[in-house]
Amino acid sequence: MSGGTLARMALAILVAFAGLYIAAHAEFELSGDKVGLLVTLGGVLYAYWLVKAHFDAKDRE
């Protein structure tokens, strides 16, 4: 993987952990635990997409 892809993967991991933190420490009425879990899911799905794109590019070579 290139450096840019690894940086985006690290960012996705940080977003996922931030979502878990929000879900665990939510103190607002807008269903903070659900917002945090959605952020976590978004980070995980983005990381999965990056890995998929990497292996698809390898298969095309």
C-alpha atoms as a PDB file:
ATOM      1  CA  MET A   1       0.000   0.000   0.000  1.00  0.00           C
ATOM      2  CA  SER A   2       1.164   3.492  -0.705  1.00  0.00           C
ATOM      3  CA  GLY A   3       1.814   6.085   1.961  1.00  0.00           C
ATOM      4  CA  GLY A   4      -1.373   7.981   1.140  1.00  0.00           C
ATOM      5  CA  THR A   5      -3.471   4.857   1.516  1.00  0.00           C
ATOM      6  CA  LEU A   6      -1.857   4.059   4.855  1.00  0.00           C
ATOM      7  CA  ALA A   7      -2.523   7.613   6.046  1.00  0.00           C
ATOM      8  CA  ARG A   8      -6.191   7.310   5.060  1.00  0.00           C
ATOM      9  CA  MET A   9      -6.357   3.929   6.830  1.00  0.00           C
ATOM     10  CA  ALA A  10      -4.931   5.499   9.999  1.00  0.00           C
ATOM     11  CA  LEU A  11      -7.484   8.305   9.740  1.00  0.00           C
ATOM     12  CA  ALA A  12     -10.296   5.754   9.347  1.00  0.00           C
ATOM     13  CA  ILE A  13      -9.083   3.943  12.467  1.00  0.00           C
ATOM     14  CA  LEU A  14      -9.005   7.215  14.407  1.00  0.00           C
ATOM     15  CA  VAL A  15     -12.542   8.015  13.240  1.00  0.00           C
ATOM     16  CA  ALA A  16     -13.693   4.566  14.340  1.00  0.00           C
ATOM     17  CA  PHE A  17     -12.154   5.017  17.789  1.00  0.00           C
ATOM     18  CA  ALA A  18     -13.658   8.497  18.064  1.00  0.00           C
ATOM     19  CA  GLY A  19     -17.048   6.976  17.310  1.00  0.00           C
ATOM     20  CA  LEU A  20     -16.578   4.401  20.042  1.00  0.00           C
ATOM     21  CA  TYR A  21     -15.614   7.172  22.450  1.00  0.00           C
ATOM     22  CA  ILE A  22     -18.710   9.159  21.517  1.00  0.00           C
ATOM     23  CA  ALA A  23     -20.888   6.073  21.963  1.00  0.00           C
ATOM     24  CA  ALA A  24     -19.416   5.359  25.398  1.00  0.00           C
ATOM     25  CA  HIS A  25     -19.481   8.913  26.749  1.00  0.00           C
ATOM     26  CA  ALA A  26     -22.527  10.423  25.062  1.00  0.00           C
ATOM     27  CA  GLU A  27     -24.297  12.867  27.329  1.00  0.00           C
ATOM     28  CA  PHE A  28     -26.584  14.583  24.846  1.00  0.00           C
ATOM     29  CA  GLU A  29     -30.186  13.728  24.177  1.00  0.00           C
ATOM     30  CA  LEU A  30     -29.879  13.114  20.455  1.00  0.00           C
ATOM     31  CA  SER A  31     -29.182   9.440  21.013  1.00  0.00           C
ATOM     32  CA  GLY A  32     -25.422   9.875  21.224  1.00  0.00           C
ATOM     33  CA  ASP A  33     -24.723   6.191  21.469  1.00  0.00           C
ATOM     34  CA  LYS A  34     -26.306   5.609  18.066  1.00  0.00           C
ATOM     35  CA  VAL A  35     -24.421   8.534  16.530  1.00  0.00           C
ATOM     36  CA  GLY A  36     -21.147   7.158  17.891  1.00  0.00           C
ATOM     37  CA  LEU A  37     -21.850   3.680  16.600  1.00  0.00           C
ATOM     38  CA  LEU A  38     -22.704   5.072  13.148  1.00  0.00           C
ATOM     39  CA  VAL A  39     -19.412   6.987  13.093  1.00  0.00           C
ATOM     40  CA  THR A  40     -17.597   3.788  14.076  1.00  0.00           C
ATOM     41  CA  LEU A  41     -19.382   1.836  11.365  1.00  0.00           C
ATOM     42  CA  GLY A  42     -18.456   4.505   8.815  1.00  0.00           C
ATOM     43  CA  GLY A  43     -14.786   4.323   9.792  1.00  0.00           C
ATOM     44  CA  VAL A  44     -14.709   0.535   9.604  1.00  0.00           C
ATOM     45  CA  LEU A  45     -16.501   0.446   6.244  1.00  0.00           C
ATOM     46  CA  TYR A  46     -14.135   3.062   4.830  1.00  0.00           C
ATOM     47  CA  ALA A  47     -11.120   1.015   5.981  1.00  0.00           C
ATOM     48  CA  TYR A  48     -12.662  -2.082   4.372  1.00  0.00           C
ATOM     49  CA  TRP A  49     -13.166  -0.139   1.142  1.00  0.00           C
ATOM     50  CA  LEU A  50      -9.500   0.957   1.161  1.00  0.00           C
ATOM     51  CA  VAL A  51      -8.302  -2.636   1.567  1.00  0.00           C
ATOM     52  CA  LYS A  52     -10.691  -3.831  -1.160  1.00  0.00           C
ATOM     53  CA  ALA A  53      -9.503  -1.127  -3.562  1.00  0.00           C
ATOM     54  CA  HIS A  54      -5.879  -2.092  -2.857  1.00  0.00           C
ATOM     55  CA  PHE A  55      -6.427  -5.759  -3.664  1.00  0.00           C
ATOM     56  CA  ASP A  56      -8.564  -4.958  -6.719  1.00  0.00           C
ATOM     57  CA  ALA A  57      -5.701  -2.818  -8.038  1.00  0.00           C
ATOM     58  CA  LYS A  58      -3.252  -5.684  -7.393  1.00  0.00           C
ATOM     59  CA  ASP A  59      -5.503  -8.084  -9.344  1.00  0.00           C
ATOM     60  CA  ARG A  60      -5.528  -5.728 -12.353  1.00  0.00           C
ATOM     61  CA  GLU A  61      -1.704  -5.712 -12.535  1.00  0.00           C
END
